[in-house]
Amino acid sequence: MWCTAGSGLGNGQWHTVEVLLRRNFASLMVDGDEPSSVRSMSSLEITTGDVVYLGGCPPAVGSCWALGPTFLGCLRSVQLNHQFAGLDLLGNGSGVQRDMCSIVDRCFPNYCEHGGQCSQTWNSFSCHCQGTGYGGQTCHDPVYERSCEAYKHAGRTSRTYLIDVDGSGPLAPVPVYCNMTEDGVWTELAHNGSHRDIEVHGSSREQPFTAYFSYGASAAQLAALLKAAQSCQQILIYRCRHSRLLNTPDGLPFAWWVGRGGERQFYWGGSPPGVQRCACGLRRNCTSPHHQCNCDSDSQDWQQDDGLLSYKEHLPVMQLVAMDTNRPRSMARINLGPLRCHGDRVFWNAALFTSRSAYLLYPALRGETSFDVAFYFKTSAPGGIYLESLGLHSFLRLQLTSPWEVTFSFDLGNGPVEVRVRSPHPLTDNHWHSVRAERNLREAWLRVDTLPHSVVPAPTHGHTRLLLSSQLFVGASASGQDGFLGCLRSLTLNGAALDLEGQAKVTAGVHPGCTGHCSSYGSLCRNGGLCMERYDGYACDCKHTPYDGPFCTREVGAFFEAGTWVRFSLPALHATTSPPQPRVLIEGQEELHGSLAESISFSFSTKRAPSVLIYVTTSVGSYIAVVLQTNGSLQVRYQLGGPDEGLVVGSGGRSLANGQPHAVNITRSYSQLFLQWWSMELVFGDLHMLKKTRLGEMEVERLL
């Protein structure tokens, strides 16, 4: 008869075991869980002898010895037939220590963070982080980005993400919708009443109607999200019929809302705090000139007061009260939009160090058993200290030790430890590079960009706590030597952001902000979009491309009915003799367009032929025409000012007017013309027979 129960029992924790033996029956229960039992169908008498072995058997007892190795661990509270057996009276034993248990409880205190489960072996502990949103040896390292801005610069598009607002701090990740728009990134947090009207009937001052809003986030998570944003807003709409709102100009309001601070607010969307008005009252265009809200006119017709609430300290709206819908034909509909926040005060918070003796000072780092530091840097200098903090017998330092190497070093009192990452390419290329370092009771590691991270295991003996007493020096050593020259951005310690810009404003040799983001992120602008520098980041300018969206990846299309067209006035073509080069434009600059070469790309779908797809003409009579002929074949006509007939090339007899999407690319480079659709590319024509090869106002002769 065999009976098994329990799992993961070799974790160094105490477990209870109960064994019940009866005639033809045995059961086994571990840690109070459901017992495992077995019953013999044949008559079986279970008896015990005079000798009881604990922890194993001597070799002389062959049948017992064959069951497996002896037990390694501790036993306590042994009962036989419900009677406690004093282990000091149980007789002889080999390798047994009585009245003590030398197993160290390595899970107390529990160094697994963020709800990670601790387990241990004889010599060490480990953390199980599954489902926590964190990873690493102690569940300290956040899995998710801390903002929608960070997701955007990882090349992500609009969708719902989990964001960890305080990184490795105590707050759990929050689900938000990241809306990547041309104007920037919006973080949207929906509530239980989003995207629907709330109808209000029968409310009065004696029986008010109250709506409560939940955002799926704690008060601390909401406060952190709002603090990290540059601005936040929430649209609030009150539709009314014979229902007053704020009872302006001097009456007691019939409605109010409560923000996260718990205070009643008597202003409405579109109005600043402390002003008992609606948006129309500020614009002086309310339905009644005697009231400050449209609904306060008490009209029998439907009215509406709406606008944006944008005072961050009051947001989001947590509850709303309405009290004037108990009269005949009286009704109100309330609509509260999601909380929408824009900008990231952490991701773009930067400082420029222009003196090797300059540094920023912050309070001492508290990270005795675990800490992490993360930031971006950009420099052309060959080395320098990013940050340093000292203790009586300890220190912490992060440093660019060479153009190719970053070093993370510290001393707990056992001697210096160094973790190095070496890059195959120079890190002094004046592009942004990311650095993240962590130290915990199990290991220390360093990661630079996407390079493999370097790990140093923690020593098994000696000091384990990092005790730092000095202030944190950022940009140089504590002695003001070996300073860093360049930009630091988005510096966080244990998930808490340090205000680099604020400190830089009052520190000589350090300047707030840092430009030059396009050198690192310009490649995210696709399909010919131009990277535009901004003080707090960059933007993709898609106006000269057939795409839009934050990365110029969303095609712009239109449906044309018969007889309709769209006309554009393009900039004049200027002379250039060099092929187009990759470029980055600063806002306000102009781009020179070549006229010795053209490139046209578009896609279309139609069943109508013949039709004109594109027609480009100039003031001197030159033109390009792309048409579908009667049989549906594609034809390109060029007139560059030479023979009256021009040049005609096409797709042969293949019909493209079949209702399917077709992508077309037409490229002329001097005398060669390329026509491409789908994946087929052929040189269809040679323009040597044309005398003139410039399209536009400025014409030059072709040199043959």
Foldseek 3Di string as FASTA:
>chain_A
DDWDDDPPPQFLDDKDWDWDDDWQKIWIDIRPDDITMGGHPDGDDDDDDPADDPQFDPVVVPVGNVPDDGDDFDDDQDDDPNHGDQPVPRDDDDPDDPPDTPQDPQCVVPQQPQPWDWGHHSQHIATHCPPRQADDRRRQFGPAAADLQVVVLVVDAWDWDWHNVLGSDRAGTDIWTWHFFQVAIKTWFFWPQAPDKDKDAQFAPVRKDKDFIDRRGDLVVLVSVLVFFPWKKKKKKKKWALFAAQLDDDDHGQKWFAFSVGDTFQDAACDAGPHNAFNCLVVCNAPDNRGRHVCNVSHNDIDMTMHMDIDSVRDDTGMMIGGGRNDPSIMMIIHMHTMMGGHGLQFFWKKFFQDLLWWFWAADDDAFAKKKKKWKWFAQDFKFWFKKFADPQKIWTWMNPGQFKIWTWMDQNPDIDIFMDGHPDGRHPRAIKMKMWMGHQFWTWIDIHPPDITIDGHDSDDGRTRDTHGIMIGQHYPVSHRGDGGMMGNIDMSSHGDRQQVRQVVIPRMHTFDKDNCVHRVVLQDQPWAWEIDRRHIFTHCPVGQAGTRRRPHGHDDDDDPPDDDDDDDDFADDDDDDDDDDHDYPPDDDHHHFLKDKDKDKDFAQDPFDWDDWDAEPVGWIWTWTQHRLQWIKIFTDAPFDPRGDIFTDPNDHRRPRDMKIWMWMDHRQWIWIDIDHDIDTTGGNPVGQWRGGGDDTDGDDD
